[in-house]
Structures are given as C-alpha cells and as structure tokens.
Amino acid sequence: MKDLMKMMKQVQDIQGRMQQMQEELGSLQVEGQSGGGLVKVTLNGKMEARGVKIDPSLMKPEDVEMLEDLLLAAFQDAKGKAEQALQDKMREVTGGLPLPPGLKLF
C-alpha cells in the first residue's frame, strides 16, 4: 500500500510538471532555415507557426518553385527542432521514464 501511495505521489508530481512544461512550450521559439538562411520559419514549442522571413533576393517570378521548396525545407527544419525541444523537456519532466505509446501532448 505504501508503494502505491508513493507511485500516486509521483504521478501527481509528473502531472504538475507536464502542465508547467506545456505553458513553457507556448513561449519557446525555434527557428528553422533553408537556402543558407535566405528563408527562415519560426515555430513555438507547440508547432504553431509564429513567423516567416524571406530574403528579398528570392522575390523573382521565375524562382517561385524554388521559394516554395525553401519554405517547406525551413518549416521542416523548425519542426524538427521543436520536436527535439519537446523530447528534451519530456525527459526533464518524467525523469527519463517513457510515456505510454500513442500519448501526444498536442
């Protein structure tokens, strides 16, 4: 019974830290880039887009397809960084304990 109470306390602690982490992720900013920094995309830790910057040299009608590819690549770069930040935060919160399969925060 004592072990069960200890486990319940740990679960409550993790829940509190998870809630705090979710709030922190909303203010986390990660930037992905492509084309050597010509295109930049900023996401928050919840994978929500917060900004796009495009170097004016890419604003040519004949370069539309390249610009589209660069935007996509910058978004994927930012998304990868945000996912890594989320994993790092989760390790902090859970003390390295794995989450149940299929559990998503967002």
N, C-alpha and C. Protein backbone atom coordinates (compact mmCIF):
# COMPACT_ATOMS: atom_id res chain seq x y z
N MET A 1 0.83 -1.19 0.00
CA MET A 1 0.00 0.00 0.00
C MET A 1 0.87 1.25 0.00
N LYS A 2 1.98 1.17 0.74
CA LYS A 2 2.88 2.30 0.82
C LYS A 2 3.49 2.62 -0.55
N ASP A 3 3.82 1.56 -1.32
CA ASP A 3 4.37 1.75 -2.66
C ASP A 3 3.34 2.39 -3.59
N LEU A 4 2.09 2.02 -3.43
CA LEU A 4 1.02 2.59 -4.25
C LEU A 4 0.87 4.09 -3.97
N MET A 5 0.94 4.47 -2.71
CA MET A 5 0.84 5.88 -2.35
C MET A 5 2.03 6.66 -2.91
N LYS A 6 3.20 6.06 -2.85
CA LYS A 6 4.39 6.71 -3.39
C LYS A 6 4.25 6.90 -4.91
N MET A 7 3.74 5.87 -5.57
CA MET A 7 3.55 5.95 -7.01
C MET A 7 2.52 7.02 -7.37
N MET A 8 1.45 7.11 -6.63
CA MET A 8 0.42 8.12 -6.88
C MET A 8 1.00 9.53 -6.71
N LYS A 9 1.85 9.71 -5.72
CA LYS A 9 2.50 11.00 -5.49
C LYS A 9 3.39 11.35 -6.68
N GLN A 10 4.12 10.36 -7.20
CA GLN A 10 4.98 10.58 -8.36
C GLN A 10 4.16 10.98 -9.59
N VAL A 11 3.03 10.33 -9.78
CA VAL A 11 2.15 10.64 -10.91
C VAL A 11 1.64 12.08 -10.78
N GLN A 12 1.24 12.48 -9.59
CA GLN A 12 0.77 13.85 -9.38
C GLN A 12 1.88 14.86 -9.64
N ASP A 13 3.09 14.54 -9.22
CA ASP A 13 4.23 15.42 -9.47
C ASP A 13 4.48 15.57 -10.97
N ILE A 14 4.43 14.45 -11.68
CA ILE A 14 4.65 14.48 -13.13
C ILE A 14 3.55 15.27 -13.81
N GLN A 15 2.31 15.13 -13.37
CA GLN A 15 1.20 15.89 -13.96
C GLN A 15 1.43 17.39 -13.80
N GLY A 16 1.86 17.80 -12.62
CA GLY A 16 2.13 19.21 -12.38
C GLY A 16 3.26 19.73 -13.26
N ARG A 17 4.31 18.93 -13.39
CA ARG A 17 5.43 19.34 -14.24
C ARG A 17 5.04 19.34 -15.71
N MET A 18 4.16 18.43 -16.12
CA MET A 18 3.68 18.39 -17.52
C MET A 18 2.89 19.66 -17.83
N GLN A 19 2.05 20.08 -16.91
CA GLN A 19 1.26 21.30 -17.13
C GLN A 19 2.18 22.51 -17.25
N GLN A 20 3.18 22.58 -16.39
CA GLN A 20 4.14 23.69 -16.45
C GLN A 20 4.90 23.64 -17.78
N MET A 21 5.28 22.45 -18.21
CA MET A 21 6.02 22.30 -19.46
C MET A 21 5.18 22.77 -20.65
N GLN A 22 3.90 22.44 -20.67
CA GLN A 22 3.03 22.86 -21.75
C GLN A 22 2.96 24.38 -21.84
N GLU A 23 2.92 25.04 -20.70
CA GLU A 23 2.92 26.50 -20.69
C GLU A 23 4.23 27.05 -21.23
N GLU A 24 5.34 26.42 -20.85
CA GLU A 24 6.65 26.86 -21.33
C GLU A 24 6.78 26.66 -22.84
N LEU A 25 6.20 25.58 -23.36
CA LEU A 25 6.30 25.30 -24.79
C LEU A 25 5.61 26.37 -25.63
N GLY A 26 4.59 26.98 -25.07
CA GLY A 26 3.90 28.05 -25.80
C GLY A 26 4.79 29.26 -26.02
N SER A 27 5.76 29.46 -25.14
CA SER A 27 6.64 30.63 -25.28
C SER A 27 7.99 30.26 -25.91
N LEU A 28 8.27 28.98 -26.07
CA LEU A 28 9.50 28.55 -26.71
C LEU A 28 9.48 28.93 -28.18
N GLN A 29 10.57 29.45 -28.69
CA GLN A 29 10.67 29.82 -30.10
C GLN A 29 11.83 29.06 -30.73
N VAL A 30 11.58 28.37 -31.84
CA VAL A 30 12.64 27.71 -32.58
C VAL A 30 12.60 28.22 -34.01
N GLU A 31 13.77 28.34 -34.61
CA GLU A 31 13.84 28.85 -35.97
C GLU A 31 14.48 27.81 -36.87
N GLY A 32 13.80 27.52 -37.96
CA GLY A 32 14.35 26.65 -38.98
C GLY A 32 14.71 27.51 -40.17
N GLN A 33 15.73 27.08 -40.91
CA GLN A 33 16.11 27.86 -42.07
C GLN A 33 16.53 26.96 -43.21
N SER A 34 16.55 27.54 -44.39
CA SER A 34 17.00 26.83 -45.58
C SER A 34 17.63 27.85 -46.52
N GLY A 35 18.26 27.33 -47.56
CA GLY A 35 18.89 28.21 -48.53
C GLY A 35 19.99 29.05 -47.91
N GLY A 36 20.71 28.49 -46.95
CA GLY A 36 21.78 29.25 -46.30
C GLY A 36 21.27 30.44 -45.52
N GLY A 37 20.05 30.34 -44.99
CA GLY A 37 19.48 31.42 -44.20
C GLY A 37 18.63 32.41 -45.00
N LEU A 38 18.43 32.12 -46.29
CA LEU A 38 17.59 33.01 -47.11
C LEU A 38 16.12 32.92 -46.73
N VAL A 39 15.72 31.76 -46.21
CA VAL A 39 14.33 31.56 -45.77
C VAL A 39 14.38 31.06 -44.33
N LYS A 40 13.60 31.71 -43.46
CA LYS A 40 13.54 31.32 -42.05
C LYS A 40 12.09 31.20 -41.62
N VAL A 41 11.81 30.16 -40.85
CA VAL A 41 10.48 29.93 -40.30
C VAL A 41 10.62 29.78 -38.79
N THR A 42 9.76 30.48 -38.05
CA THR A 42 9.78 30.40 -36.59
C THR A 42 8.52 29.70 -36.12
N LEU A 43 8.69 28.70 -35.26
CA LEU A 43 7.59 27.96 -34.64
C LEU A 43 7.73 28.07 -33.13
N ASN A 44 6.60 27.92 -32.44
CA ASN A 44 6.71 27.79 -30.99
C ASN A 44 6.80 26.30 -30.65
N GLY A 45 6.92 25.99 -29.40
CA GLY A 45 7.08 24.60 -28.97
C GLY A 45 5.85 23.74 -29.19
N LYS A 46 4.74 24.36 -29.54
CA LYS A 46 3.52 23.61 -29.83
C LYS A 46 3.34 23.41 -31.32
N MET A 47 4.40 23.67 -32.09
CA MET A 47 4.43 23.52 -33.55
C MET A 47 3.53 24.52 -34.28
N GLU A 48 3.23 25.64 -33.63
CA GLU A 48 2.43 26.68 -34.25
C GLU A 48 3.37 27.68 -34.92
N ALA A 49 3.08 28.03 -36.18
CA ALA A 49 3.91 28.98 -36.92
C ALA A 49 3.81 30.36 -36.27
N ARG A 50 4.95 31.01 -36.10
CA ARG A 50 4.99 32.33 -35.49
C ARG A 50 5.62 33.38 -36.39
N GLY A 51 6.30 32.95 -37.46
CA GLY A 51 6.89 33.93 -38.35
C GLY A 51 7.58 33.30 -39.54
N VAL A 52 7.67 34.08 -40.62
CA VAL A 52 8.37 33.67 -41.84
C VAL A 52 9.16 34.88 -42.32
N LYS A 53 10.42 34.64 -42.67
CA LYS A 53 11.25 35.70 -43.23
C LYS A 53 11.83 35.18 -44.54
N ILE A 54 11.70 35.99 -45.58
CA ILE A 54 12.20 35.62 -46.91
C ILE A 54 13.12 36.73 -47.39
N ASP A 55 14.33 36.35 -47.76
CA ASP A 55 15.27 37.33 -48.30
C ASP A 55 14.70 37.91 -49.60
N PRO A 56 14.73 39.22 -49.76
CA PRO A 56 14.17 39.86 -50.97
C PRO A 56 14.77 39.35 -52.28
N SER A 57 15.98 38.83 -52.24
CA SER A 57 16.61 38.34 -53.47
C SER A 57 15.87 37.15 -54.07
N LEU A 58 15.00 36.52 -53.28
CA LEU A 58 14.23 35.36 -53.76
C LEU A 58 12.90 35.77 -54.39
N MET A 59 12.59 37.04 -54.40
CA MET A 59 11.30 37.51 -54.89
C MET A 59 11.31 37.76 -56.40
N LYS A 60 11.53 36.69 -57.13
CA LYS A 60 11.52 36.77 -58.59
C LYS A 60 10.50 35.76 -59.10
N PRO A 61 9.68 36.16 -60.04
CA PRO A 61 8.65 35.25 -60.55
C PRO A 61 9.21 33.92 -61.04
N GLU A 62 10.39 33.92 -61.60
CA GLU A 62 10.96 32.68 -62.13
C GLU A 62 11.48 31.76 -61.01
N ASP A 63 11.54 32.26 -59.79
CA ASP A 63 12.05 31.48 -58.66
C ASP A 63 10.95 30.99 -57.71
N VAL A 64 9.71 31.02 -58.14
CA VAL A 64 8.59 30.66 -57.26
C VAL A 64 8.72 29.22 -56.75
N GLU A 65 9.01 28.29 -57.63
CA GLU A 65 9.11 26.89 -57.20
C GLU A 65 10.25 26.70 -56.20
N MET A 66 11.37 27.36 -56.45
CA MET A 66 12.49 27.25 -55.52
C MET A 66 12.10 27.84 -54.16
N LEU A 67 11.42 28.95 -54.16
CA LEU A 67 10.98 29.58 -52.92
C LEU A 67 10.03 28.66 -52.16
N GLU A 68 9.12 28.02 -52.87
CA GLU A 68 8.20 27.08 -52.22
C GLU A 68 8.98 25.94 -51.57
N ASP A 69 9.97 25.42 -52.27
CA ASP A 69 10.79 24.33 -51.71
C ASP A 69 11.57 24.80 -50.48
N LEU A 70 12.09 26.02 -50.55
CA LEU A 70 12.85 26.56 -49.42
C LEU A 70 11.96 26.78 -48.21
N LEU A 71 10.74 27.26 -48.44
CA LEU A 71 9.79 27.44 -47.33
C LEU A 71 9.48 26.11 -46.66
N LEU A 72 9.23 25.11 -47.47
CA LEU A 72 8.92 23.79 -46.94
C LEU A 72 10.11 23.24 -46.15
N ALA A 73 11.31 23.39 -46.69
CA ALA A 73 12.51 22.90 -46.00
C ALA A 73 12.72 23.64 -44.68
N ALA A 74 12.51 24.95 -44.67
CA ALA A 74 12.69 25.73 -43.44
C ALA A 74 11.66 25.31 -42.40
N PHE A 75 10.42 25.07 -42.83
CA PHE A 75 9.39 24.62 -41.90
C PHE A 75 9.77 23.28 -41.30
N GLN A 76 10.22 22.36 -42.13
CA GLN A 76 10.60 21.03 -41.63
C GLN A 76 11.78 21.13 -40.66
N ASP A 77 12.72 22.02 -40.94
CA ASP A 77 13.85 22.22 -40.04
C ASP A 77 13.36 22.74 -38.68
N ALA A 78 12.48 23.72 -38.71
CA ALA A 78 11.94 24.28 -37.46
C ALA A 78 11.13 23.22 -36.71
N LYS A 79 10.36 22.44 -37.43
CA LYS A 79 9.54 21.40 -36.80
C LYS A 79 10.43 20.36 -36.11
N GLY A 80 11.51 19.96 -36.77
CA GLY A 80 12.43 19.01 -36.17
C GLY A 80 13.05 19.56 -34.89
N LYS A 81 13.40 20.85 -34.90
CA LYS A 81 13.97 21.47 -33.71
C LYS A 81 12.95 21.57 -32.58
N ALA A 82 11.71 21.89 -32.93
CA ALA A 82 10.65 21.98 -31.92
C ALA A 82 10.37 20.60 -31.32
N GLU A 83 10.35 19.57 -32.16
CA GLU A 83 10.12 18.22 -31.65
C GLU A 83 11.25 17.78 -30.73
N GLN A 84 12.48 18.13 -31.07
CA GLN A 84 13.62 17.78 -30.22
C GLN A 84 13.52 18.51 -28.88
N ALA A 85 13.13 19.78 -28.92
CA ALA A 85 12.96 20.54 -27.68
C ALA A 85 11.88 19.90 -26.81
N LEU A 86 10.80 19.45 -27.43
CA LEU A 86 9.72 18.79 -26.70
C LEU A 86 10.23 17.50 -26.06
N GLN A 87 10.99 16.72 -26.79
CA GLN A 87 11.53 15.48 -26.23
C GLN A 87 12.46 15.76 -25.06
N ASP A 88 13.29 16.79 -25.21
CA ASP A 88 14.20 17.15 -24.12
C ASP A 88 13.42 17.56 -22.87
N LYS A 89 12.37 18.36 -23.05
CA LYS A 89 11.54 18.79 -21.92
C LYS A 89 10.85 17.58 -21.28
N MET A 90 10.38 16.66 -22.11
CA MET A 90 9.69 15.48 -21.58
C MET A 90 10.64 14.65 -20.72
N ARG A 91 11.89 14.52 -21.16
CA ARG A 91 12.86 13.77 -20.36
C ARG A 91 13.08 14.43 -19.01
N GLU A 92 13.09 15.78 -19.01
CA GLU A 92 13.23 16.50 -17.75
C GLU A 92 12.05 16.23 -16.83
N VAL A 93 10.86 16.30 -17.39
CA VAL A 93 9.63 16.17 -16.60
C VAL A 93 9.46 14.75 -16.05
N THR A 94 9.71 13.77 -16.89
CA THR A 94 9.44 12.39 -16.48
C THR A 94 10.65 11.70 -15.88
N GLY A 95 11.76 12.41 -15.81
CA GLY A 95 12.96 11.79 -15.27
C GLY A 95 13.46 10.65 -16.14
N GLY A 96 13.17 10.71 -17.43
CA GLY A 96 13.62 9.67 -18.35
C GLY A 96 12.65 8.52 -18.50
N LEU A 97 11.55 8.52 -17.73
CA LEU A 97 10.58 7.44 -17.87
C LEU A 97 9.86 7.58 -19.21
N PRO A 98 9.66 6.48 -19.93
CA PRO A 98 8.97 6.57 -21.23
C PRO A 98 7.48 6.85 -21.02
N LEU A 99 6.90 7.58 -21.97
CA LEU A 99 5.46 7.82 -21.96
C LEU A 99 4.74 6.63 -22.57
N PRO A 100 3.50 6.42 -22.20
CA PRO A 100 2.75 5.34 -22.83
C PRO A 100 2.67 5.56 -24.34
N PRO A 101 2.71 4.48 -25.13
CA PRO A 101 2.64 4.61 -26.58
C PRO A 101 1.39 5.38 -27.00
N GLY A 102 1.54 6.24 -27.98
CA GLY A 102 0.40 6.98 -28.52
C GLY A 102 0.05 8.25 -27.75
N LEU A 103 0.70 8.50 -26.61
CA LEU A 103 0.39 9.70 -25.84
C LEU A 103 1.00 10.91 -26.52
N LYS A 104 0.16 11.86 -26.88
CA LYS A 104 0.61 13.09 -27.53
C LYS A 104 0.19 14.26 -26.65
N LEU A 105 1.07 15.27 -26.59
CA LEU A 105 0.74 16.45 -25.81
C LEU A 105 -0.07 17.44 -26.61
N PHE A 106 0.12 17.45 -27.94
CA PHE A 106 -0.57 18.43 -28.79
C PHE A 106 -1.06 17.76 -30.03
